[in-house]
Amino acid sequence: MAAGSRARGRARGRVGRHLAVPLVMVLVFGGIAGGSYLALERYGSPAHEGTCVASGLGTSHRYTTDRVANAALISATAVDRGMPPRAASIALATAYQESQLQNIDYGDRDSLGLFQQRPSQGWGTEEQIMDPVYASNAFLDVLETYPDYTSADINDIAQQVQRSGHPEAYRDHETEGRLYASALTGQSGANLLCTLDEVGATASPEQLRGELARQFPRATESGRVTSSLDSAAGAAPQVPEGAGATALVLDPGGDETLGWSLANWAVARAADDGVVQVSYRGRVWDRTAHGEEAGAWGSAEGGDPERVVVLVSGR
């Protein structure tokens, strides 16, 4: 992408970062990522048009499906590491300020990805940084070096990690970070409402199962979360038109908060993975619902309330 084209896509420029921060365990960072991108008008539309809303604190925020999928990945990484919801709130506020929750392959100088991390400052190789799972773990690795992050001001702790040239900018996204973190870490139950177009292509539960293993590696490897394939008719409360015959069933082992994290994660993945229905604890999100029910979680009878049941398009 030409520099002139990139410049046209930014509402304002950013300044570099100059302060080094150590990273525990594997990496030693020579510095901190580049700054923020605001109003990046040239972002393309997601593959499947739609939006998601999270509510609370007397307000609500709406994201496009591509952004909410990235928000779900960041939150999943925090949940998988066993970190508190506050970690996801900080990471989401930071990623929105840095890239508008887009995994972009350009930035100020060599800044890249969701968090605009810079290879020249020790965050990893270009290929690593462009992997959202790697980038999210890299951010959280540094966040954990600040013991007070669970109680510190979200803007201030994000600034300590990022060292932005706009030190108060993260505050602009604190509320939405908290709302989406609450939904995507399972704290607020059925609180991710997504209204999507019809599925445009055949998908498979195996595809979503692969994403589960990629985004919740510790939980799946340890057996904290197990996944299986079952008959859609036997596992789901009802099977909407267009759903395949096989359901992906996720078992959180009796951990209801983890269950809601998985349920909302599956809804957030719906546009990318052809999800048409998610049910858990007597509630159901149905992509085919219309009118006032569109995008909402309704009541469900039947099915397995203890497990998250995900139906994927079978067309």
C-alpha atoms as a PDB file:
ATOM      1  CA  MET A   1       0.000   0.000   0.000  1.00  0.00           C
ATOM      2  CA  ALA A   2       1.437   3.362  -1.005  1.00  0.00           C
ATOM      3  CA  ALA A   3       2.294   5.874   1.708  1.00  0.00           C
ATOM      4  CA  GLY A   4      -0.073   8.428   0.232  1.00  0.00           C
ATOM      5  CA  SER A   5      -2.957   5.959   0.347  1.00  0.00           C
ATOM      6  CA  ARG A   6      -2.174   5.145   3.945  1.00  0.00           C
ATOM      7  CA  ALA A   7      -2.100   8.798   4.897  1.00  0.00           C
ATOM      8  CA  ARG A   8      -5.496   9.377   3.387  1.00  0.00           C
ATOM      9  CA  GLY A   9      -6.897   6.622   5.624  1.00  0.00           C
ATOM     10  CA  ARG A  10      -5.842   8.269   8.861  1.00  0.00           C
ATOM     11  CA  ALA A  11      -7.631  11.023  10.700  1.00  0.00           C
ATOM     12  CA  ARG A  12      -4.394  12.089  12.346  1.00  0.00           C
ATOM     13  CA  GLY A  13      -0.830  10.974  12.643  1.00  0.00           C
ATOM     14  CA  ARG A  14       0.899   9.390  15.531  1.00  0.00           C
ATOM     15  CA  VAL A  15       4.133   9.826  17.362  1.00  0.00           C
ATOM     16  CA  GLY A  16       6.647   7.083  18.102  1.00  0.00           C
ATOM     17  CA  ARG A  17       7.487   5.376  21.311  1.00  0.00           C
ATOM     18  CA  HIS A  18      10.806   5.670  23.077  1.00  0.00           C
ATOM     19  CA  LEU A  19      10.663   3.885  26.425  1.00  0.00           C
ATOM     20  CA  ALA A  20      11.664   0.259  26.808  1.00  0.00           C
ATOM     21  CA  VAL A  21       9.617  -2.179  28.891  1.00  0.00           C
ATOM     22  CA  PRO A  22      10.790  -5.664  29.903  1.00  0.00           C
ATOM     23  CA  LEU A  23       8.801  -8.727  28.969  1.00  0.00           C
ATOM     24  CA  VAL A  24       8.844 -11.673  31.332  1.00  0.00           C
ATOM     25  CA  MET A  25       9.419 -15.252  30.257  1.00  0.00           C
ATOM     26  CA  VAL A  26      10.546 -15.488  26.632  1.00  0.00           C
ATOM     27  CA  LEU A  27      10.966 -12.030  25.096  1.00  0.00           C
ATOM     28  CA  VAL A  28      12.936  -8.975  26.129  1.00  0.00           C
ATOM     29  CA  PHE A  29      11.432  -5.906  24.619  1.00  0.00           C
ATOM     30  CA  GLY A  30      13.695  -3.115  23.496  1.00  0.00           C
ATOM     31  CA  GLY A  31      10.777  -0.700  23.351  1.00  0.00           C
ATOM     32  CA  ILE A  32       7.083  -0.322  22.999  1.00  0.00           C
ATOM     33  CA  ALA A  33       4.729  -0.319  20.074  1.00  0.00           C
ATOM     34  CA  GLY A  34       3.802   2.567  17.852  1.00  0.00           C
ATOM     35  CA  GLY A  35       0.895   4.904  18.438  1.00  0.00           C
ATOM     36  CA  SER A  36      -2.741   5.031  17.502  1.00  0.00           C
ATOM     37  CA  TYR A  37      -4.853   5.162  14.397  1.00  0.00           C
ATOM     38  CA  LEU A  38      -8.105   7.075  14.597  1.00  0.00           C
ATOM     39  CA  ALA A  39     -10.919   7.169  12.041  1.00  0.00           C
ATOM     40  CA  LEU A  40      -9.381   4.774   9.534  1.00  0.00           C
ATOM     41  CA  GLU A  41     -11.985   5.337   6.863  1.00  0.00           C
ATOM     42  CA  ARG A  42     -10.462   2.972   4.359  1.00  0.00           C
ATOM     43  CA  TYR A  43     -11.223  -0.151   6.374  1.00  0.00           C
ATOM     44  CA  GLY A  44     -13.164  -2.522   4.170  1.00  0.00           C
ATOM     45  CA  SER A  45     -16.490  -4.043   5.125  1.00  0.00           C
ATOM     46  CA  PRO A  46     -16.514  -7.454   6.813  1.00  0.00           C
ATOM     47  CA  ALA A  47     -17.215 -10.494   4.672  1.00  0.00           C
ATOM     48  CA  HIS A  48     -20.707 -10.741   6.162  1.00  0.00           C
ATOM     49  CA  GLU A  49     -22.361  -7.443   6.991  1.00  0.00           C
ATOM     50  CA  GLY A  50     -23.667  -7.107  10.518  1.00  0.00           C
ATOM     51  CA  THR A  51     -23.148  -5.529  13.906  1.00  0.00           C
ATOM     52  CA  CYS A  52     -22.954  -6.557  17.543  1.00  0.00           C
ATOM     53  CA  VAL A  53     -23.941  -4.604  20.651  1.00  0.00           C
ATOM     54  CA  ALA A  54     -22.804  -4.924  24.265  1.00  0.00           C
ATOM     55  CA  SER A  55     -24.654  -3.000  26.966  1.00  0.00           C
ATOM     56  CA  GLY A  56     -24.153  -1.928  30.576  1.00  0.00           C
ATOM     57  CA  LEU A  57     -23.141   1.003  32.748  1.00  0.00           C
ATOM     58  CA  GLY A  58     -26.163   2.875  31.432  1.00  0.00           C
ATOM     59  CA  THR A  59     -25.013   2.785  27.810  1.00  0.00           C
ATOM     60  CA  SER A  60     -24.233   0.481  24.887  1.00  0.00           C
ATOM     61  CA  HIS A  61     -21.640   0.258  22.128  1.00  0.00           C
ATOM     62  CA  ARG A  62     -21.954  -1.227  18.655  1.00  0.00           C
ATOM     63  CA  TYR A  63     -19.130  -2.912  16.719  1.00  0.00           C
ATOM     64  CA  THR A  64     -19.015  -4.336  13.216  1.00  0.00           C
ATOM     65  CA  THR A  65     -18.583  -8.104  13.074  1.00  0.00           C
ATOM     66  CA  ASP A  66     -14.920  -7.979  12.081  1.00  0.00           C
ATOM     67  CA  ARG A  67     -14.129  -5.834  15.111  1.00  0.00           C
ATOM     68  CA  VAL A  68     -16.148  -7.949  17.522  1.00  0.00           C
ATOM     69  CA  ALA A  69     -14.404 -11.100  16.275  1.00  0.00           C
ATOM     70  CA  ASN A  70     -11.062  -9.520  17.166  1.00  0.00           C
ATOM     71  CA  ALA A  71     -12.456  -8.361  20.512  1.00  0.00           C
ATOM     72  CA  ALA A  72     -13.547 -11.945  21.179  1.00  0.00           C
ATOM     73  CA  LEU A  73     -10.084 -13.266  20.330  1.00  0.00           C
ATOM     74  CA  ILE A  74      -8.388 -10.809  22.693  1.00  0.00           C
ATOM     75  CA  SER A  75     -10.842 -11.634  25.471  1.00  0.00           C
ATOM     76  CA  ALA A  76     -10.491 -15.369  24.839  1.00  0.00           C
ATOM     77  CA  THR A  77      -6.732 -15.040  25.244  1.00  0.00           C
ATOM     78  CA  ALA A  78      -7.181 -13.364  28.636  1.00  0.00           C
ATOM     79  CA  VAL A  79      -9.727 -15.973  29.761  1.00  0.00           C
ATOM     80  CA  ASP A  80      -7.516 -18.812  28.546  1.00  0.00           C
ATOM     81  CA  ARG A  81      -4.602 -17.449  30.581  1.00  0.00           C
ATOM     82  CA  GLY A  82      -6.780 -17.279  33.689  1.00  0.00           C
ATOM     83  CA  MET A  83      -6.499 -13.493  33.905  1.00  0.00           C
ATOM     84  CA  PRO A  84      -9.291 -11.370  35.425  1.00  0.00           C
ATOM     85  CA  PRO A  85     -11.810  -9.486  33.254  1.00  0.00           C
ATOM     86  CA  ARG A  86      -9.879  -6.279  33.959  1.00  0.00           C
ATOM     87  CA  ALA A  87      -7.079  -7.566  31.738  1.00  0.00           C
ATOM     88  CA  ALA A  88      -9.491  -7.924  28.818  1.00  0.00           C
ATOM     89  CA  SER A  89     -10.919  -4.439  29.476  1.00  0.00           C
ATOM     90  CA  ILE A  90      -7.451  -2.885  29.299  1.00  0.00           C
ATOM     91  CA  ALA A  91      -6.466  -4.869  26.209  1.00  0.00           C
ATOM     92  CA  LEU A  92      -9.685  -4.004  24.353  1.00  0.00           C
ATOM     93  CA  ALA A  93      -9.464  -0.284  25.125  1.00  0.00           C
ATOM     94  CA  THR A  94      -5.861  -0.345  23.953  1.00  0.00           C
ATOM     95  CA  ALA A  95      -6.493  -2.266  20.741  1.00  0.00           C
ATOM     96  CA  TYR A  96      -9.380  -0.027  19.738  1.00  0.00           C
ATOM     97  CA  GLN A  97      -7.285   3.086  20.253  1.00  0.00           C
ATOM     98  CA  GLU A  98      -4.313   1.601  18.402  1.00  0.00           C
ATOM     99  CA  SER A  99      -6.022   0.011  15.390  1.00  0.00           C
ATOM    100  CA  GLN A 100      -9.788   0.285  15.842  1.00  0.00           C
ATOM    101  CA  LEU A 101      -9.626  -3.461  16.536  1.00  0.00           C
ATOM    102  CA  GLN A 102      -8.289  -4.192  13.067  1.00  0.00           C
ATOM    103  CA  ASN A 103      -5.359  -6.480  12.345  1.00  0.00           C
ATOM    104  CA  ILE A 104      -3.730  -3.997   9.984  1.00  0.00           C
ATOM    105  CA  ASP A 105      -0.421  -4.599   8.221  1.00  0.00           C
ATOM    106  CA  TYR A 106       0.816  -1.008   8.345  1.00  0.00           C
ATOM    107  CA  GLY A 107       1.337   1.778  10.850  1.00  0.00           C
ATOM    108  CA  ASP A 108       3.628   4.513  12.069  1.00  0.00           C
ATOM    109  CA  ARG A 109       7.121   3.433  11.034  1.00  0.00           C
ATOM    110  CA  ASP A 110       7.107  -0.369  11.480  1.00  0.00           C
ATOM    111  CA  SER A 111       4.011  -0.613  13.718  1.00  0.00           C
ATOM    112  CA  LEU A 112       1.716  -3.535  12.880  1.00  0.00           C
ATOM    113  CA  GLY A 113      -1.342  -5.427  13.970  1.00  0.00           C
ATOM    114  CA  LEU A 114      -4.055  -5.076  16.586  1.00  0.00           C
ATOM    115  CA  PHE A 115      -1.833  -3.337  19.120  1.00  0.00           C
ATOM    116  CA  GLN A 116       0.486  -1.588  16.630  1.00  0.00           C
ATOM    117  CA  GLN A 117       3.499  -3.399  18.006  1.00  0.00           C
ATOM    118  CA  ARG A 118       6.900  -2.722  16.425  1.00  0.00           C
ATOM    119  CA  PRO A 119       9.398  -5.429  15.426  1.00  0.00           C
ATOM    120  CA  SER A 120      12.213  -2.917  15.836  1.00  0.00           C
ATOM    121  CA  GLN A 121      11.282  -2.498  19.488  1.00  0.00           C
ATOM    122  CA  GLY A 122      11.310  -6.161  20.366  1.00  0.00           C
ATOM    123  CA  TRP A 123       7.664  -7.187  20.143  1.00  0.00           C
ATOM    124  CA  GLY A 124       8.438 -10.000  17.694  1.00  0.00           C
ATOM    125  CA  THR A 125       8.829 -10.548  13.984  1.00  0.00           C
ATOM    126  CA  GLU A 126       6.384  -9.048  11.498  1.00  0.00           C
ATOM    127  CA  GLU A 127       4.836 -12.482  10.995  1.00  0.00           C
ATOM    128  CA  GLN A 128       4.421 -13.008  14.730  1.00  0.00           C
ATOM    129  CA  ILE A 129       2.864  -9.605  15.350  1.00  0.00           C
ATOM    130  CA  MET A 130       0.385 -10.116  12.517  1.00  0.00           C
ATOM    131  CA  ASP A 131      -0.877 -13.241  14.322  1.00  0.00           C
ATOM    132  CA  PRO A 132      -3.587 -11.802  16.613  1.00  0.00           C
ATOM    133  CA  VAL A 133      -3.176 -14.598  19.169  1.00  0.00           C
ATOM    134  CA  TYR A 134       0.562 -13.931  19.439  1.00  0.00           C
ATOM    135  CA  ALA A 135       0.009 -10.161  19.603  1.00  0.00           C
ATOM    136  CA  SER A 136      -2.623 -10.503  22.340  1.00  0.00           C
ATOM    137  CA  ASN A 137      -0.369 -12.743  24.418  1.00  0.00           C
ATOM    138  CA  ALA A 138       2.537 -10.327  23.938  1.00  0.00           C
ATOM    139  CA  PHE A 139       0.432  -7.436  25.235  1.00  0.00           C
ATOM    140  CA  LEU A 140      -0.824  -9.457  28.208  1.00  0.00           C
ATOM    141  CA  ASP A 141       2.701 -10.655  29.019  1.00  0.00           C
ATOM    142  CA  VAL A 142       3.770  -7.051  29.513  1.00  0.00           C
ATOM    143  CA  LEU A 143       0.562  -6.116  31.326  1.00  0.00           C
ATOM    144  CA  GLU A 144       1.244  -8.823  33.913  1.00  0.00           C
ATOM    145  CA  THR A 145       4.567  -7.196  34.799  1.00  0.00           C
ATOM    146  CA  TYR A 146       2.532  -4.418  36.482  1.00  0.00           C
ATOM    147  CA  PRO A 147       1.083  -6.003  39.646  1.00  0.00           C
ATOM    148  CA  ASP A 148      -1.420  -3.184  40.157  1.00  0.00           C
ATOM    149  CA  TYR A 149      -3.109  -3.590  36.761  1.00  0.00           C
ATOM    150  CA  THR A 150      -6.187  -5.144  38.376  1.00  0.00           C
ATOM    151  CA  SER A 151      -6.947  -1.962  40.301  1.00  0.00           C
ATOM    152  CA  ALA A 152      -5.122   0.775  38.384  1.00  0.00           C
ATOM    153  CA  ASP A 153      -6.845   3.260  36.109  1.00  0.00           C
ATOM    154  CA  ILE A 154      -7.418   1.584  32.726  1.00  0.00           C
ATOM    155  CA  ASN A 155      -6.008   4.477  30.724  1.00  0.00           C
ATOM    156  CA  ASP A 156      -2.950   4.826  32.936  1.00  0.00           C
ATOM    157  CA  ILE A 157      -2.031   1.144  32.926  1.00  0.00           C
ATOM    158  CA  ALA A 158      -2.559   0.915  29.158  1.00  0.00           C
ATOM    159  CA  GLN A 159      -0.217   3.877  28.785  1.00  0.00           C
ATOM    160  CA  GLN A 160       2.407   2.171  30.942  1.00  0.00           C
ATOM    161  CA  VAL A 161       2.361  -0.804  28.585  1.00  0.00           C
ATOM    162  CA  GLN A 162       2.137   1.114  25.310  1.00  0.00           C
ATOM    163  CA  ARG A 163       3.966   4.423  26.040  1.00  0.00           C
ATOM    164  CA  SER A 164       1.790   6.291  23.563  1.00  0.00           C
ATOM    165  CA  GLY A 165       2.430   9.797  22.353  1.00  0.00           C
ATOM    166  CA  HIS A 166      -1.243  10.413  23.242  1.00  0.00           C
ATOM    167  CA  PRO A 167      -1.192   9.346  26.904  1.00  0.00           C
ATOM    168  CA  GLU A 168      -4.871  10.077  27.621  1.00  0.00           C
ATOM    169  CA  ALA A 169      -6.296   8.558  24.425  1.00  0.00           C
ATOM    170  CA  TYR A 170      -7.075   5.133  25.891  1.00  0.00           C
ATOM    171  CA  ARG A 171      -9.587   6.741  28.222  1.00  0.00           C
ATOM    172  CA  ASP A 172     -11.845   7.412  25.223  1.00  0.00           C
ATOM    173  CA  HIS A 173     -12.451   3.669  24.876  1.00  0.00           C
ATOM    174  CA  GLU A 174     -12.554   2.599  28.517  1.00  0.00           C
ATOM    175  CA  THR A 175     -16.325   2.180  28.712  1.00  0.00           C
ATOM    176  CA  GLU A 176     -16.688   0.107  25.559  1.00  0.00           C
ATOM    177  CA  GLY A 177     -13.668  -1.953  26.593  1.00  0.00           C
ATOM    178  CA  ARG A 178     -15.362  -2.756  29.886  1.00  0.00           C
ATOM    179  CA  LEU A 179     -18.698  -3.613  28.229  1.00  0.00           C
ATOM    180  CA  TYR A 180     -17.222  -5.976  25.666  1.00  0.00           C
ATOM    181  CA  ALA A 181     -14.861  -7.512  28.198  1.00  0.00           C
ATOM    182  CA  SER A 182     -17.804  -8.158  30.524  1.00  0.00           C
ATOM    183  CA  ALA A 183     -19.742  -9.939  27.781  1.00  0.00           C
ATOM    184  CA  LEU A 184     -16.826 -11.818  26.237  1.00  0.00           C
ATOM    185  CA  THR A 185     -15.363 -13.025  29.534  1.00  0.00           C
ATOM    186  CA  GLY A 186     -18.796 -14.286  30.597  1.00  0.00           C
ATOM    187  CA  GLN A 187     -19.377 -11.844  33.445  1.00  0.00           C
ATOM    188  CA  SER A 188     -22.669 -10.447  32.140  1.00  0.00           C
ATOM    189  CA  GLY A 189     -24.265 -13.556  30.659  1.00  0.00           C
ATOM    190  CA  ALA A 190     -26.141 -13.265  27.362  1.00  0.00           C
ATOM    191  CA  ASN A 191     -24.960  -9.747  26.684  1.00  0.00           C
ATOM    192  CA  LEU A 192     -23.604  -9.888  23.149  1.00  0.00           C
ATOM    193  CA  LEU A 193     -26.385  -9.191  20.670  1.00  0.00           C
ATOM    194  CA  CYS A 194     -25.396  -9.684  17.027  1.00  0.00           C
ATOM    195  CA  THR A 195     -27.597  -9.021  14.017  1.00  0.00           C
ATOM    196  CA  LEU A 196     -26.170 -10.575  10.853  1.00  0.00           C
ATOM    197  CA  ASP A 197     -27.020 -11.246   7.245  1.00  0.00           C
ATOM    198  CA  GLU A 198     -27.806 -14.758   6.112  1.00  0.00           C
ATOM    199  CA  VAL A 199     -24.856 -17.095   5.745  1.00  0.00           C
ATOM    200  CA  GLY A 200     -23.409 -16.756   2.278  1.00  0.00           C
ATOM    201  CA  ALA A 201     -21.400 -19.992   2.111  1.00  0.00           C
ATOM    202  CA  THR A 202     -21.271 -23.464   3.579  1.00  0.00           C
ATOM    203  CA  ALA A 203     -19.293 -23.707   6.792  1.00  0.00           C
ATOM    204  CA  SER A 204     -18.463 -26.559   9.145  1.00  0.00           C
ATOM    205  CA  PRO A 205     -18.362 -27.098  12.917  1.00  0.00           C
ATOM    206  CA  GLU A 206     -14.810 -28.436  12.473  1.00  0.00           C
ATOM    207  CA  GLN A 207     -13.721 -24.978  11.296  1.00  0.00           C
ATOM    208  CA  LEU A 208     -15.055 -23.379  14.473  1.00  0.00           C
ATOM    209  CA  ARG A 209     -13.588 -26.190  16.555  1.00  0.00           C
ATOM    210  CA  GLY A 210     -10.182 -25.334  15.094  1.00  0.00           C
ATOM    211  CA  GLU A 211     -10.598 -21.702  16.128  1.00  0.00           C
ATOM    212  CA  LEU A 212     -11.541 -22.837  19.630  1.00  0.00           C
ATOM    213  CA  ALA A 213      -8.273 -24.758  19.936  1.00  0.00           C
ATOM    214  CA  ARG A 214      -6.316 -21.791  18.572  1.00  0.00           C
ATOM    215  CA  GLN A 215      -7.887 -19.166  20.814  1.00  0.00           C
ATOM    216  CA  PHE A 216      -8.335 -21.280  23.978  1.00  0.00           C
ATOM    217  CA  PRO A 217      -5.236 -23.515  23.747  1.00  0.00           C
ATOM    218  CA  ARG A 218      -4.632 -23.925  27.476  1.00  0.00           C
ATOM    219  CA  ALA A 219      -8.285 -24.568  28.275  1.00  0.00           C
ATOM    220  CA  THR A 220      -8.707 -27.180  25.547  1.00  0.00           C
ATOM    221  CA  GLU A 221      -5.382 -28.935  26.164  1.00  0.00           C
ATOM    222  CA  SER A 222      -6.003 -29.160  29.908  1.00  0.00           C
ATOM    223  CA  GLY A 223      -9.585 -30.387  29.490  1.00  0.00           C
ATOM    224  CA  ARG A 224     -11.026 -27.322  31.201  1.00  0.00           C
ATOM    225  CA  VAL A 225     -13.079 -26.954  28.010  1.00  0.00           C
ATOM    226  CA  THR A 226     -13.976 -30.021  25.969  1.00  0.00           C
ATOM    227  CA  SER A 227     -15.572 -30.068  22.537  1.00  0.00           C
ATOM    228  CA  SER A 228     -17.444 -32.760  20.665  1.00  0.00           C
ATOM    229  CA  LEU A 229     -19.633 -33.201  17.604  1.00  0.00           C
ATOM    230  CA  ASP A 230     -23.211 -34.342  18.142  1.00  0.00           C
ATOM    231  CA  SER A 231     -26.516 -34.534  16.334  1.00  0.00           C
ATOM    232  CA  ALA A 232     -27.983 -31.049  15.934  1.00  0.00           C
ATOM    233  CA  ALA A 233     -31.496 -32.387  16.480  1.00  0.00           C
ATOM    234  CA  GLY A 234     -30.477 -34.091  19.699  1.00  0.00           C
ATOM    235  CA  ALA A 235     -28.327 -31.340  21.208  1.00  0.00           C
ATOM    236  CA  ALA A 236     -29.990 -28.042  20.233  1.00  0.00           C
ATOM    237  CA  PRO A 237     -33.319 -26.724  21.579  1.00  0.00           C
ATOM    238  CA  GLN A 238     -34.480 -26.298  17.978  1.00  0.00           C
ATOM    239  CA  VAL A 239     -32.794 -26.469  14.596  1.00  0.00           C
ATOM    240  CA  PRO A 240     -33.362 -23.452  12.341  1.00  0.00           C
ATOM    241  CA  GLU A 241     -33.583 -23.757   8.579  1.00  0.00           C
ATOM    242  CA  GLY A 242     -30.130 -23.737   6.987  1.00  0.00           C
ATOM    243  CA  ALA A 243     -28.348 -25.337   9.926  1.00  0.00           C
ATOM    244  CA  GLY A 244     -26.275 -28.443   9.350  1.00  0.00           C
ATOM    245  CA  ALA A 245     -27.057 -31.800  10.900  1.00  0.00           C
ATOM    246  CA  THR A 246     -24.040 -31.676  13.225  1.00  0.00           C
ATOM    247  CA  ALA A 247     -23.646 -29.473  16.302  1.00  0.00           C
ATOM    248  CA  LEU A 248     -20.425 -28.392  17.980  1.00  0.00           C
ATOM    249  CA  VAL A 249     -20.920 -28.961  21.704  1.00  0.00           C
ATOM    250  CA  LEU A 250     -18.666 -27.139  24.177  1.00  0.00           C
ATOM    251  CA  ASP A 251     -18.543 -28.286  27.794  1.00  0.00           C
ATOM    252  CA  PRO A 252     -17.179 -25.739  30.318  1.00  0.00           C
ATOM    253  CA  GLY A 253     -17.134 -28.314  33.113  1.00  0.00           C
ATOM    254  CA  GLY A 254     -19.841 -26.658  35.193  1.00  0.00           C
ATOM    255  CA  ASP A 255     -18.174 -23.222  35.129  1.00  0.00           C
ATOM    256  CA  GLU A 256     -21.095 -20.983  34.134  1.00  0.00           C
ATOM    257  CA  THR A 257     -18.962 -17.870  33.636  1.00  0.00           C
ATOM    258  CA  LEU A 258     -16.659 -19.782  31.303  1.00  0.00           C
ATOM    259  CA  GLY A 259     -19.740 -21.161  29.561  1.00  0.00           C
ATOM    260  CA  TRP A 260     -21.053 -17.681  28.833  1.00  0.00           C
ATOM    261  CA  SER A 261     -17.619 -16.633  27.627  1.00  0.00           C
ATOM    262  CA  LEU A 262     -17.695 -19.519  25.141  1.00  0.00           C
ATOM    263  CA  ALA A 263     -21.292 -18.807  24.120  1.00  0.00           C
ATOM    264  CA  ASN A 264     -20.647 -15.131  23.417  1.00  0.00           C
ATOM    265  CA  TRP A 265     -17.360 -16.043  21.700  1.00  0.00           C
ATOM    266  CA  ALA A 266     -19.281 -18.332  19.336  1.00  0.00           C
ATOM    267  CA  VAL A 267     -21.758 -15.552  18.538  1.00  0.00           C
ATOM    268  CA  ALA A 268     -18.864 -13.168  17.914  1.00  0.00           C
ATOM    269  CA  ARG A 269     -17.412 -15.727  15.469  1.00  0.00           C
ATOM    270  CA  ALA A 270     -20.739 -16.159  13.643  1.00  0.00           C
ATOM    271  CA  ALA A 271     -19.922 -13.984  10.641  1.00  0.00           C
ATOM    272  CA  ASP A 272     -16.593 -15.707  10.020  1.00  0.00           C
ATOM    273  CA  ASP A 273     -17.623 -19.285  10.770  1.00  0.00           C
ATOM    274  CA  GLY A 274     -21.210 -19.523   9.566  1.00  0.00           C
ATOM    275  CA  VAL A 275     -22.769 -19.888  13.018  1.00  0.00           C
ATOM    276  CA  VAL A 276     -26.570 -19.850  12.861  1.00  0.00           C
ATOM    277  CA  GLN A 277     -27.487 -20.654  16.466  1.00  0.00           C
ATOM    278  CA  VAL A 278     -25.901 -20.731  19.940  1.00  0.00           C
ATOM    279  CA  SER A 279     -27.714 -22.043  23.019  1.00  0.00           C
ATOM    280  CA  TYR A 280     -26.725 -22.207  26.683  1.00  0.00           C
ATOM    281  CA  ARG A 281     -28.469 -22.183  30.071  1.00  0.00           C
ATOM    282  CA  GLY A 282     -31.964 -21.958  28.638  1.00  0.00           C
ATOM    283  CA  ARG A 283     -31.111 -19.052  26.317  1.00  0.00           C
ATOM    284  CA  VAL A 284     -30.667 -19.110  22.567  1.00  0.00           C
ATOM    285  CA  TRP A 285     -29.216 -16.731  19.978  1.00  0.00           C
ATOM    286  CA  ASP A 286     -30.695 -17.438  16.552  1.00  0.00           C
ATOM    287  CA  ARG A 287     -29.253 -15.784  13.458  1.00  0.00           C
ATOM    288  CA  THR A 288     -32.502 -16.374  11.543  1.00  0.00           C
ATOM    289  CA  ALA A 289     -34.694 -14.460  14.013  1.00  0.00           C
ATOM    290  CA  HIS A 290     -36.515 -11.403  12.700  1.00  0.00           C
ATOM    291  CA  GLY A 291     -38.236  -8.324  14.058  1.00  0.00           C
ATOM    292  CA  GLU A 292     -37.742  -7.531  17.730  1.00  0.00           C
ATOM    293  CA  GLU A 293     -36.027 -10.897  18.247  1.00  0.00           C
ATOM    294  CA  ALA A 294     -33.330 -10.237  15.651  1.00  0.00           C
ATOM    295  CA  GLY A 295     -29.899 -10.398  17.222  1.00  0.00           C
ATOM    296  CA  ALA A 296     -31.256 -10.997  20.730  1.00  0.00           C
ATOM    297  CA  TRP A 297     -30.967 -13.932  23.110  1.00  0.00           C
ATOM    298  CA  GLY A 298     -34.379 -15.534  23.567  1.00  0.00           C
ATOM    299  CA  SER A 299     -35.654 -18.263  25.868  1.00  0.00           C
ATOM    300  CA  ALA A 300     -35.099 -21.866  24.888  1.00  0.00           C
ATOM    301  CA  GLU A 301     -36.711 -25.108  25.953  1.00  0.00           C
ATOM    302  CA  GLY A 302     -34.995 -28.428  25.486  1.00  0.00           C
ATOM    303  CA  GLY A 303     -31.416 -29.100  24.519  1.00  0.00           C
ATOM    304  CA  ASP A 304     -28.565 -29.405  27.004  1.00  0.00           C
ATOM    305  CA  PRO A 305     -28.484 -26.358  29.339  1.00  0.00           C
ATOM    306  CA  GLU A 306     -25.120 -27.319  30.867  1.00  0.00           C
ATOM    307  CA  ARG A 307     -23.237 -27.219  27.575  1.00  0.00           C
ATOM    308  CA  VAL A 308     -22.848 -24.590  24.860  1.00  0.00           C
ATOM    309  CA  VAL A 309     -24.409 -25.923  21.660  1.00  0.00           C
ATOM    310  CA  VAL A 310     -23.359 -24.253  18.414  1.00  0.00           C
ATOM    311  CA  LEU A 311     -25.058 -24.874  15.079  1.00  0.00           C
ATOM    312  CA  VAL A 312     -23.241 -24.007  11.881  1.00  0.00           C
ATOM    313  CA  SER A 313     -24.676 -23.534   8.408  1.00  0.00           C
ATOM    314  CA  GLY A 314     -25.052 -26.727   6.418  1.00  0.00           C
ATOM    315  CA  ARG A 315     -25.767 -25.199   3.033  1.00  0.00           C
END
